[in-house]
Amino acid sequence: MRKSNQSGRSMVEMLGVLAIIGVLSVGGIAGYSKAMAKFKYQKGLDQLQTLLSNVMQLYYTQGHLNGMDKVTAIRAGLVPAEMLNGKSPNTATEIYNVFNLNVDVTPSYLDYQFPDVPSCVYFATANWTGFNIDIGGAGDHMIPKEKQPLSTTEAHRICKEQVDNWGYMEIHYPSSNVGGYYTD
């Protein structure tokens, strides 16, 4: 009689290994997606805070923001280059956020659009010390600086209502009298 000396894995063992790899892959992809979304939100928040800081520096230097608009802010070098979608500050006329949505600059506030509720919540719960914010879409929710930062629960409630109807956040500059705010 001849003995077989074959070694190997059975089909059941191979299927078990493939199932484990599949479960781990799904978990890894979900974790990666979540990490990338948070990275994108943080990058957008950094860009917005840089833009806001630059606009406020101009305000403190000249004492007003009369005539401020997107093009003026771009030409004055107040807008981070990555918010110009590859265009030169000499030719750009639009400002875009990390979601490829418009950002507006006015003499009284910055207007930032959101594509979804999680991005709105992330920005609405950020520390906007010294600034009144207005989360809008279907209606406006004015959040004075004294009521900030918003809790995640409150931000989610407001953002859910607004993003479903074209959500945005306005960050009002100090000394503006827009949207019912006046601070100084």
N, C-alpha and C. Protein backbone atom coordinates (compact mmCIF):
# COMPACT_ATOMS: atom_id res chain seq x y z
N MET A 1 0.81 -1.17 0.00
CA MET A 1 0.00 0.00 0.00
C MET A 1 0.87 1.25 0.00
N ARG A 2 0.43 2.16 -0.72
CA ARG A 2 1.18 3.37 -0.86
C ARG A 2 0.52 4.50 -0.07
N LYS A 3 1.30 5.21 0.75
CA LYS A 3 0.75 6.33 1.53
C LYS A 3 0.89 7.62 0.74
N SER A 4 -0.14 8.42 0.81
CA SER A 4 -0.09 9.73 0.16
C SER A 4 0.48 10.72 1.15
N ASN A 5 1.44 11.47 0.73
CA ASN A 5 2.10 12.44 1.59
C ASN A 5 1.75 13.87 1.14
N GLN A 6 0.56 14.06 0.68
CA GLN A 6 0.16 15.37 0.21
C GLN A 6 -0.21 16.24 1.41
N SER A 7 0.24 17.48 1.33
CA SER A 7 -0.18 18.42 2.37
C SER A 7 -0.84 19.61 1.68
N GLY A 8 -1.72 20.26 2.36
CA GLY A 8 -2.43 21.37 1.77
C GLY A 8 -3.59 21.77 2.66
N ARG A 9 -4.38 22.66 2.14
CA ARG A 9 -5.53 23.16 2.89
C ARG A 9 -6.80 22.68 2.22
N SER A 10 -7.77 22.48 3.05
CA SER A 10 -9.06 22.05 2.51
C SER A 10 -9.82 23.26 1.99
N MET A 11 -10.82 23.01 1.21
CA MET A 11 -11.66 24.07 0.67
C MET A 11 -12.34 24.84 1.79
N VAL A 12 -12.76 24.17 2.84
CA VAL A 12 -13.43 24.82 3.97
C VAL A 12 -12.47 25.79 4.66
N GLU A 13 -11.24 25.37 4.83
CA GLU A 13 -10.25 26.27 5.45
C GLU A 13 -10.01 27.50 4.59
N MET A 14 -9.92 27.32 3.31
CA MET A 14 -9.69 28.44 2.39
C MET A 14 -10.88 29.41 2.40
N LEU A 15 -12.08 28.88 2.44
CA LEU A 15 -13.27 29.74 2.50
C LEU A 15 -13.31 30.52 3.81
N GLY A 16 -12.89 29.87 4.89
CA GLY A 16 -12.83 30.55 6.18
C GLY A 16 -11.85 31.71 6.16
N VAL A 17 -10.69 31.50 5.57
CA VAL A 17 -9.68 32.55 5.45
C VAL A 17 -10.22 33.70 4.60
N LEU A 18 -10.84 33.38 3.49
CA LEU A 18 -11.41 34.42 2.62
C LEU A 18 -12.50 35.22 3.34
N ALA A 19 -13.31 34.54 4.13
CA ALA A 19 -14.37 35.24 4.88
C ALA A 19 -13.75 36.21 5.88
N ILE A 20 -12.71 35.78 6.58
CA ILE A 20 -12.04 36.66 7.55
C ILE A 20 -11.42 37.86 6.84
N ILE A 21 -10.77 37.63 5.72
CA ILE A 21 -10.18 38.73 4.96
C ILE A 21 -11.26 39.71 4.49
N GLY A 22 -12.40 39.18 4.07
CA GLY A 22 -13.50 40.04 3.64
C GLY A 22 -14.03 40.93 4.75
N VAL A 23 -14.21 40.36 5.93
CA VAL A 23 -14.70 41.13 7.08
C VAL A 23 -13.70 42.21 7.46
N LEU A 24 -12.43 41.87 7.51
CA LEU A 24 -11.40 42.84 7.85
C LEU A 24 -11.31 43.95 6.81
N SER A 25 -11.48 43.59 5.54
CA SER A 25 -11.43 44.59 4.48
C SER A 25 -12.57 45.59 4.59
N VAL A 26 -13.76 45.11 4.85
CA VAL A 26 -14.91 46.00 4.99
C VAL A 26 -14.68 46.97 6.15
N GLY A 27 -14.21 46.45 7.26
CA GLY A 27 -13.92 47.30 8.42
C GLY A 27 -12.84 48.32 8.11
N GLY A 28 -11.81 47.90 7.39
CA GLY A 28 -10.72 48.80 7.03
C GLY A 28 -11.17 49.90 6.09
N ILE A 29 -11.99 49.54 5.13
CA ILE A 29 -12.50 50.54 4.18
C ILE A 29 -13.38 51.56 4.89
N ALA A 30 -14.23 51.09 5.79
CA ALA A 30 -15.10 52.01 6.54
C ALA A 30 -14.26 52.96 7.39
N GLY A 31 -13.26 52.42 8.06
CA GLY A 31 -12.39 53.26 8.88
C GLY A 31 -11.62 54.27 8.05
N TYR A 32 -11.14 53.84 6.90
CA TYR A 32 -10.40 54.72 6.01
C TYR A 32 -11.32 55.84 5.50
N SER A 33 -12.53 55.49 5.10
CA SER A 33 -13.48 56.49 4.61
C SER A 33 -13.78 57.54 5.68
N LYS A 34 -13.97 57.08 6.90
CA LYS A 34 -14.26 57.99 8.01
C LYS A 34 -13.08 58.91 8.28
N ALA A 35 -11.87 58.35 8.25
CA ALA A 35 -10.66 59.15 8.48
C ALA A 35 -10.48 60.19 7.37
N MET A 36 -10.74 59.80 6.13
CA MET A 36 -10.59 60.74 5.01
C MET A 36 -11.63 61.86 5.09
N ALA A 37 -12.85 61.53 5.50
CA ALA A 37 -13.88 62.58 5.65
C ALA A 37 -13.46 63.57 6.73
N LYS A 38 -12.97 63.07 7.85
CA LYS A 38 -12.53 63.96 8.93
C LYS A 38 -11.35 64.82 8.46
N PHE A 39 -10.43 64.24 7.71
CA PHE A 39 -9.30 65.00 7.16
C PHE A 39 -9.82 66.12 6.26
N LYS A 40 -10.79 65.80 5.40
CA LYS A 40 -11.34 66.80 4.48
C LYS A 40 -12.04 67.91 5.26
N TYR A 41 -12.83 67.54 6.28
CA TYR A 41 -13.51 68.55 7.09
C TYR A 41 -12.49 69.46 7.78
N GLN A 42 -11.43 68.87 8.32
CA GLN A 42 -10.42 69.66 9.03
C GLN A 42 -9.69 70.58 8.05
N LYS A 43 -9.39 70.09 6.86
CA LYS A 43 -8.74 70.92 5.85
C LYS A 43 -9.65 72.09 5.48
N GLY A 44 -10.93 71.83 5.29
CA GLY A 44 -11.87 72.90 4.97
C GLY A 44 -11.98 73.91 6.10
N LEU A 45 -12.00 73.42 7.33
CA LEU A 45 -12.07 74.31 8.49
C LEU A 45 -10.81 75.17 8.57
N ASP A 46 -9.66 74.58 8.32
CA ASP A 46 -8.40 75.34 8.32
C ASP A 46 -8.42 76.42 7.25
N GLN A 47 -8.89 76.08 6.05
CA GLN A 47 -8.96 77.07 4.96
C GLN A 47 -9.89 78.21 5.33
N LEU A 48 -11.06 77.86 5.88
CA LEU A 48 -12.04 78.88 6.25
C LEU A 48 -11.50 79.78 7.35
N GLN A 49 -10.84 79.20 8.34
CA GLN A 49 -10.28 80.00 9.43
C GLN A 49 -9.15 80.90 8.93
N THR A 50 -8.36 80.42 7.97
CA THR A 50 -7.31 81.25 7.39
C THR A 50 -7.92 82.43 6.65
N LEU A 51 -8.92 82.15 5.83
CA LEU A 51 -9.61 83.21 5.09
C LEU A 51 -10.21 84.23 6.06
N LEU A 52 -10.90 83.74 7.08
CA LEU A 52 -11.52 84.62 8.07
C LEU A 52 -10.46 85.46 8.79
N SER A 53 -9.37 84.85 9.17
CA SER A 53 -8.29 85.57 9.84
C SER A 53 -7.71 86.66 8.94
N ASN A 54 -7.51 86.34 7.67
CA ASN A 54 -6.97 87.33 6.73
C ASN A 54 -7.93 88.50 6.54
N VAL A 55 -9.22 88.21 6.42
CA VAL A 55 -10.21 89.28 6.26
C VAL A 55 -10.24 90.15 7.51
N MET A 56 -10.20 89.52 8.68
CA MET A 56 -10.23 90.31 9.93
C MET A 56 -8.96 91.14 10.09
N GLN A 57 -7.82 90.62 9.64
CA GLN A 57 -6.58 91.40 9.70
C GLN A 57 -6.71 92.64 8.83
N LEU A 58 -7.31 92.50 7.65
CA LEU A 58 -7.54 93.66 6.79
C LEU A 58 -8.48 94.65 7.47
N TYR A 59 -9.53 94.13 8.11
CA TYR A 59 -10.48 95.00 8.82
C TYR A 59 -9.76 95.80 9.91
N TYR A 60 -8.93 95.12 10.70
CA TYR A 60 -8.23 95.81 11.79
C TYR A 60 -7.21 96.81 11.26
N THR A 61 -6.67 96.54 10.09
CA THR A 61 -5.68 97.44 9.49
C THR A 61 -6.33 98.70 8.93
N GLN A 62 -7.43 98.52 8.19
CA GLN A 62 -8.04 99.69 7.54
C GLN A 62 -9.28 100.22 8.24
N GLY A 63 -9.82 99.46 9.21
CA GLY A 63 -10.95 99.94 10.00
C GLY A 63 -12.32 99.71 9.38
N HIS A 64 -12.37 99.11 8.22
CA HIS A 64 -13.65 98.81 7.56
C HIS A 64 -13.43 97.75 6.50
N LEU A 65 -14.53 97.22 6.00
CA LEU A 65 -14.48 96.26 4.89
C LEU A 65 -15.40 96.71 3.76
N ASN A 66 -15.61 98.01 3.65
CA ASN A 66 -16.48 98.55 2.60
C ASN A 66 -16.01 98.06 1.23
N GLY A 67 -16.93 97.61 0.43
CA GLY A 67 -16.63 97.16 -0.92
C GLY A 67 -16.04 95.75 -0.99
N MET A 68 -15.98 95.05 0.14
CA MET A 68 -15.41 93.71 0.14
C MET A 68 -16.33 92.74 -0.58
N ASP A 69 -15.75 91.98 -1.49
CA ASP A 69 -16.45 90.90 -2.16
C ASP A 69 -15.43 89.83 -2.51
N LYS A 70 -15.87 88.78 -3.21
CA LYS A 70 -14.97 87.67 -3.54
C LYS A 70 -13.75 88.13 -4.32
N VAL A 71 -13.98 88.88 -5.37
CA VAL A 71 -12.88 89.29 -6.23
C VAL A 71 -11.90 90.19 -5.48
N THR A 72 -12.42 91.10 -4.69
CA THR A 72 -11.55 91.98 -3.89
C THR A 72 -10.71 91.16 -2.93
N ALA A 73 -11.32 90.18 -2.28
CA ALA A 73 -10.59 89.32 -1.34
C ALA A 73 -9.51 88.51 -2.06
N ILE A 74 -9.84 88.01 -3.26
CA ILE A 74 -8.87 87.23 -4.04
C ILE A 74 -7.69 88.12 -4.45
N ARG A 75 -7.98 89.28 -5.02
CA ARG A 75 -6.92 90.17 -5.51
C ARG A 75 -6.05 90.69 -4.36
N ALA A 76 -6.63 90.83 -3.16
CA ALA A 76 -5.87 91.32 -2.00
C ALA A 76 -5.02 90.21 -1.38
N GLY A 77 -5.12 88.98 -1.91
CA GLY A 77 -4.32 87.88 -1.38
C GLY A 77 -4.84 87.30 -0.08
N LEU A 78 -6.12 87.51 0.20
CA LEU A 78 -6.70 87.04 1.45
C LEU A 78 -7.13 85.58 1.38
N VAL A 79 -7.30 85.06 0.17
CA VAL A 79 -7.85 83.72 -0.04
C VAL A 79 -6.71 82.71 -0.22
N PRO A 80 -6.72 81.62 0.56
CA PRO A 80 -5.71 80.58 0.36
C PRO A 80 -5.75 80.06 -1.09
N ALA A 81 -4.58 79.82 -1.67
CA ALA A 81 -4.48 79.42 -3.08
C ALA A 81 -5.31 78.19 -3.41
N GLU A 82 -5.38 77.21 -2.47
CA GLU A 82 -6.12 75.99 -2.78
C GLU A 82 -7.63 76.22 -2.86
N MET A 83 -8.09 77.41 -2.50
CA MET A 83 -9.52 77.72 -2.60
C MET A 83 -9.87 78.36 -3.96
N LEU A 84 -8.87 78.46 -4.84
CA LEU A 84 -9.09 79.07 -6.15
C LEU A 84 -9.16 78.04 -7.28
N ASN A 85 -9.18 76.77 -6.94
CA ASN A 85 -9.28 75.67 -7.92
C ASN A 85 -8.24 75.77 -9.03
N GLY A 86 -7.01 76.06 -8.65
CA GLY A 86 -5.92 76.07 -9.61
C GLY A 86 -5.79 77.34 -10.43
N LYS A 87 -6.66 78.30 -10.22
CA LYS A 87 -6.58 79.55 -10.98
C LYS A 87 -5.64 80.52 -10.28
N SER A 88 -5.12 81.41 -11.04
CA SER A 88 -4.23 82.46 -10.52
C SER A 88 -5.06 83.49 -9.77
N PRO A 89 -4.52 84.09 -8.71
CA PRO A 89 -5.24 85.16 -8.02
C PRO A 89 -5.54 86.36 -8.94
N ASN A 90 -4.81 86.46 -10.04
CA ASN A 90 -5.03 87.57 -10.99
C ASN A 90 -6.23 87.33 -11.89
N THR A 91 -6.63 86.05 -12.06
CA THR A 91 -7.74 85.75 -12.97
C THR A 91 -8.95 85.12 -12.27
N ALA A 92 -8.77 84.58 -11.08
CA ALA A 92 -9.86 83.91 -10.38
C ALA A 92 -10.95 84.90 -9.99
N THR A 93 -12.19 84.45 -10.08
CA THR A 93 -13.32 85.28 -9.65
C THR A 93 -14.22 84.53 -8.66
N GLU A 94 -13.92 83.27 -8.43
CA GLU A 94 -14.72 82.45 -7.51
C GLU A 94 -13.83 81.83 -6.44
N ILE A 95 -14.42 81.59 -5.28
CA ILE A 95 -13.75 80.93 -4.18
C ILE A 95 -14.50 79.63 -3.91
N TYR A 96 -13.76 78.53 -3.81
CA TYR A 96 -14.37 77.22 -3.61
C TYR A 96 -13.85 76.58 -2.32
N ASN A 97 -14.74 75.89 -1.62
CA ASN A 97 -14.31 75.17 -0.42
C ASN A 97 -13.88 73.76 -0.80
N VAL A 98 -13.51 72.95 0.18
CA VAL A 98 -13.03 71.59 -0.09
C VAL A 98 -14.12 70.70 -0.69
N PHE A 99 -15.35 71.11 -0.63
CA PHE A 99 -16.47 70.35 -1.20
C PHE A 99 -16.78 70.83 -2.61
N ASN A 100 -15.94 71.74 -3.13
CA ASN A 100 -16.11 72.34 -4.44
C ASN A 100 -17.40 73.15 -4.54
N LEU A 101 -17.79 73.75 -3.44
CA LEU A 101 -18.95 74.64 -3.39
C LEU A 101 -18.46 76.06 -3.16
N ASN A 102 -19.26 77.03 -3.54
CA ASN A 102 -18.86 78.43 -3.45
C ASN A 102 -18.74 78.92 -2.02
N VAL A 103 -17.79 79.82 -1.84
CA VAL A 103 -17.63 80.57 -0.60
C VAL A 103 -17.81 82.03 -1.01
N ASP A 104 -18.63 82.75 -0.27
CA ASP A 104 -18.86 84.15 -0.60
C ASP A 104 -18.25 85.02 0.48
N VAL A 105 -17.73 86.16 0.08
CA VAL A 105 -17.15 87.14 1.00
C VAL A 105 -17.92 88.43 0.80
N THR A 106 -18.42 88.99 1.90
CA THR A 106 -19.16 90.26 1.85
C THR A 106 -18.54 91.21 2.87
N PRO A 107 -18.98 92.46 2.89
CA PRO A 107 -18.46 93.38 3.91
C PRO A 107 -18.87 93.01 5.34
N SER A 108 -19.83 92.09 5.50
CA SER A 108 -20.35 91.76 6.83
C SER A 108 -20.13 90.33 7.28
N TYR A 109 -19.96 89.41 6.33
CA TYR A 109 -19.83 88.00 6.72
C TYR A 109 -19.21 87.16 5.60
N LEU A 110 -18.76 85.95 5.99
CA LEU A 110 -18.34 84.92 5.03
C LEU A 110 -19.48 83.92 4.94
N ASP A 111 -19.77 83.45 3.75
CA ASP A 111 -20.83 82.47 3.53
C ASP A 111 -20.19 81.19 3.01
N TYR A 112 -20.43 80.07 3.71
CA TYR A 112 -19.79 78.79 3.41
C TYR A 112 -20.86 77.74 3.22
N GLN A 113 -20.88 77.06 2.07
CA GLN A 113 -21.91 76.07 1.77
C GLN A 113 -21.47 74.66 2.18
N PHE A 114 -22.45 73.82 2.51
CA PHE A 114 -22.20 72.45 2.92
C PHE A 114 -22.92 71.46 2.01
N PRO A 115 -22.28 70.30 1.73
CA PRO A 115 -22.93 69.30 0.90
C PRO A 115 -23.80 68.33 1.69
N ASP A 116 -23.54 68.23 3.01
CA ASP A 116 -24.25 67.21 3.79
C ASP A 116 -24.28 67.59 5.27
N VAL A 117 -25.08 66.85 6.02
CA VAL A 117 -25.25 67.12 7.45
C VAL A 117 -23.95 66.93 8.24
N PRO A 118 -23.19 65.84 8.04
CA PRO A 118 -21.97 65.68 8.83
C PRO A 118 -20.98 66.83 8.68
N SER A 119 -20.83 67.36 7.46
CA SER A 119 -19.91 68.49 7.29
C SER A 119 -20.44 69.73 8.00
N CYS A 120 -21.73 69.96 7.93
CA CYS A 120 -22.34 71.10 8.63
C CYS A 120 -22.12 70.98 10.14
N VAL A 121 -22.36 69.80 10.68
CA VAL A 121 -22.18 69.58 12.13
C VAL A 121 -20.73 69.83 12.52
N TYR A 122 -19.79 69.34 11.73
CA TYR A 122 -18.37 69.52 12.04
C TYR A 122 -18.02 71.00 12.14
N PHE A 123 -18.49 71.78 11.17
CA PHE A 123 -18.19 73.21 11.16
C PHE A 123 -18.98 73.96 12.24
N ALA A 124 -20.23 73.58 12.44
CA ALA A 124 -21.08 74.29 13.42
C ALA A 124 -20.61 74.08 14.85
N THR A 125 -19.93 72.98 15.12
CA THR A 125 -19.45 72.72 16.48
C THR A 125 -18.02 73.20 16.68
N ALA A 126 -17.43 73.82 15.67
CA ALA A 126 -16.07 74.36 15.80
C ALA A 126 -16.10 75.58 16.71
N ASN A 127 -14.95 75.98 17.15
CA ASN A 127 -14.83 77.13 18.04
C ASN A 127 -14.76 78.41 17.20
N TRP A 128 -15.84 79.16 17.16
CA TRP A 128 -15.90 80.40 16.43
C TRP A 128 -15.83 81.58 17.40
N THR A 129 -14.92 81.53 18.33
CA THR A 129 -14.77 82.54 19.37
C THR A 129 -14.78 83.95 18.78
N GLY A 130 -15.67 84.77 19.29
CA GLY A 130 -15.74 86.16 18.87
C GLY A 130 -16.63 86.41 17.67
N PHE A 131 -17.19 85.36 17.08
CA PHE A 131 -18.00 85.53 15.88
C PHE A 131 -19.39 84.96 16.10
N ASN A 132 -20.39 85.66 15.59
CA ASN A 132 -21.74 85.12 15.56
C ASN A 132 -21.86 84.30 14.29
N ILE A 133 -22.56 83.18 14.36
CA ILE A 133 -22.76 82.37 13.16
C ILE A 133 -24.25 82.23 12.89
N ASP A 134 -24.54 81.98 11.65
CA ASP A 134 -25.92 81.83 11.19
C ASP A 134 -25.94 80.60 10.29
N ILE A 135 -26.65 79.57 10.69
CA ILE A 135 -26.77 78.37 9.88
C ILE A 135 -28.11 78.46 9.17
N GLY A 136 -28.07 78.45 7.86
CA GLY A 136 -29.30 78.69 7.11
C GLY A 136 -29.53 77.70 5.99
N GLY A 137 -30.64 77.84 5.38
CA GLY A 137 -31.08 76.98 4.27
C GLY A 137 -32.57 77.21 4.11
N ALA A 138 -33.37 76.45 4.84
CA ALA A 138 -34.82 76.62 4.82
C ALA A 138 -35.23 77.83 5.65
N GLY A 139 -34.42 78.13 6.63
CA GLY A 139 -34.64 79.27 7.51
C GLY A 139 -33.32 79.52 8.22
N ASP A 140 -33.23 80.61 8.90
CA ASP A 140 -31.97 80.94 9.55
C ASP A 140 -31.99 80.59 11.03
N HIS A 141 -30.89 80.06 11.50
CA HIS A 141 -30.68 79.80 12.92
C HIS A 141 -29.48 80.63 13.34
N MET A 142 -29.76 81.76 13.95
CA MET A 142 -28.69 82.64 14.40
C MET A 142 -28.17 82.15 15.74
N ILE A 143 -26.87 81.94 15.81
CA ILE A 143 -26.25 81.45 17.03
C ILE A 143 -25.26 82.49 17.50
N PRO A 144 -25.65 83.31 18.49
CA PRO A 144 -24.72 84.32 18.98
C PRO A 144 -23.52 83.67 19.65
N LYS A 145 -22.42 84.42 19.69
CA LYS A 145 -21.18 83.87 20.23
C LYS A 145 -21.33 83.39 21.67
N GLU A 146 -22.28 83.96 22.42
CA GLU A 146 -22.49 83.54 23.80
C GLU A 146 -23.06 82.13 23.89
N LYS A 147 -23.71 81.65 22.84
CA LYS A 147 -24.35 80.33 22.83
C LYS A 147 -23.45 79.25 22.19
N GLN A 148 -22.21 79.60 21.92
CA GLN A 148 -21.29 78.68 21.27
C GLN A 148 -20.30 78.11 22.26
N PRO A 149 -19.69 77.00 21.94
CA PRO A 149 -19.93 76.18 20.77
C PRO A 149 -21.21 75.38 20.91
N LEU A 150 -21.80 75.06 19.79
CA LEU A 150 -23.02 74.24 19.78
C LEU A 150 -22.67 72.81 20.19
N SER A 151 -23.60 72.16 20.86
CA SER A 151 -23.43 70.73 21.14
C SER A 151 -23.63 69.98 19.83
N THR A 152 -23.10 68.80 19.74
CA THR A 152 -23.26 67.99 18.54
C THR A 152 -24.73 67.71 18.28
N THR A 153 -25.49 67.45 19.34
CA THR A 153 -26.92 67.17 19.20
C THR A 153 -27.67 68.37 18.62
N GLU A 154 -27.41 69.54 19.17
CA GLU A 154 -28.07 70.76 18.69
C GLU A 154 -27.65 71.09 17.26
N ALA A 155 -26.35 70.96 16.98
CA ALA A 155 -25.85 71.23 15.63
C ALA A 155 -26.49 70.26 14.63
N HIS A 156 -26.61 69.00 15.00
CA HIS A 156 -27.21 68.01 14.10
C HIS A 156 -28.67 68.36 13.82
N ARG A 157 -29.40 68.77 14.84
CA ARG A 157 -30.81 69.14 14.66
C ARG A 157 -30.93 70.31 13.68
N ILE A 158 -30.13 71.34 13.89
CA ILE A 158 -30.19 72.52 13.03
C ILE A 158 -29.71 72.18 11.62
N CYS A 159 -28.58 71.49 11.53
CA CYS A 159 -28.00 71.18 10.23
C CYS A 159 -28.90 70.27 9.40
N LYS A 160 -29.54 69.31 10.03
CA LYS A 160 -30.44 68.39 9.32
C LYS A 160 -31.55 69.17 8.61
N GLU A 161 -32.10 70.11 9.32
CA GLU A 161 -33.18 70.93 8.76
C GLU A 161 -32.68 71.81 7.61
N GLN A 162 -31.48 72.35 7.77
CA GLN A 162 -30.99 73.32 6.80
C GLN A 162 -30.33 72.70 5.58
N VAL A 163 -29.51 71.67 5.77
CA VAL A 163 -28.79 71.08 4.65
C VAL A 163 -29.74 70.43 3.66
N ASP A 164 -30.85 69.90 4.15
CA ASP A 164 -31.84 69.33 3.25
C ASP A 164 -32.42 70.39 2.33
N ASN A 165 -32.20 71.65 2.65
CA ASN A 165 -32.72 72.77 1.86
C ASN A 165 -31.60 73.75 1.53
N TRP A 166 -30.47 73.22 1.06
CA TRP A 166 -29.32 74.02 0.63
C TRP A 166 -28.69 74.72 1.83
N GLY A 167 -27.89 73.98 2.58
CA GLY A 167 -27.31 74.49 3.81
C GLY A 167 -26.07 75.34 3.61
N TYR A 168 -25.97 76.33 4.46
CA TYR A 168 -24.80 77.20 4.48
C TYR A 168 -24.60 77.73 5.89
N MET A 169 -23.43 78.28 6.12
CA MET A 169 -23.16 78.93 7.40
C MET A 169 -22.56 80.29 7.09
N GLU A 170 -23.10 81.30 7.73
CA GLU A 170 -22.53 82.64 7.64
C GLU A 170 -21.76 82.89 8.93
N ILE A 171 -20.57 83.41 8.78
CA ILE A 171 -19.78 83.81 9.94
C ILE A 171 -19.72 85.32 9.90
N HIS A 172 -20.39 85.95 10.84
CA HIS A 172 -20.50 87.41 10.86
C HIS A 172 -19.28 88.03 11.54
N TYR A 173 -18.74 89.07 10.90
CA TYR A 173 -17.59 89.75 11.47
C TYR A 173 -18.04 90.55 12.68
N PRO A 174 -17.15 90.78 13.63
CA PRO A 174 -17.49 91.70 14.72
C PRO A 174 -17.83 93.07 14.13
N SER A 175 -18.69 93.79 14.78
CA SER A 175 -19.15 95.12 14.37
C SER A 175 -20.07 95.11 13.17
N SER A 176 -20.51 93.92 12.72
CA SER A 176 -21.46 93.90 11.62
C SER A 176 -22.87 94.01 12.19
N ASN A 177 -23.75 94.57 11.41
CA ASN A 177 -25.15 94.68 11.80
C ASN A 177 -25.98 93.99 10.73
N VAL A 178 -25.70 92.72 10.53
CA VAL A 178 -26.38 91.94 9.50
C VAL A 178 -27.05 90.76 10.16
N GLY A 179 -28.21 90.41 9.71
CA GLY A 179 -28.89 89.25 10.24
C GLY A 179 -29.33 89.41 11.68
N GLY A 180 -29.53 90.65 12.11
CA GLY A 180 -29.99 90.88 13.48
C GLY A 180 -28.90 90.92 14.52
N TYR A 181 -27.65 90.83 14.09
CA TYR A 181 -26.54 90.86 15.04
C TYR A 181 -25.98 92.27 15.09
N TYR A 182 -25.55 92.66 16.23
CA TYR A 182 -24.69 93.83 16.31
C TYR A 182 -23.79 93.61 17.51
N THR A 183 -22.55 93.50 17.25
CA THR A 183 -21.58 93.34 18.34
C THR A 183 -20.41 94.25 18.14
N ASP A 184 -19.84 94.65 19.20
CA ASP A 184 -18.62 95.45 19.12
C ASP A 184 -17.96 95.48 20.47
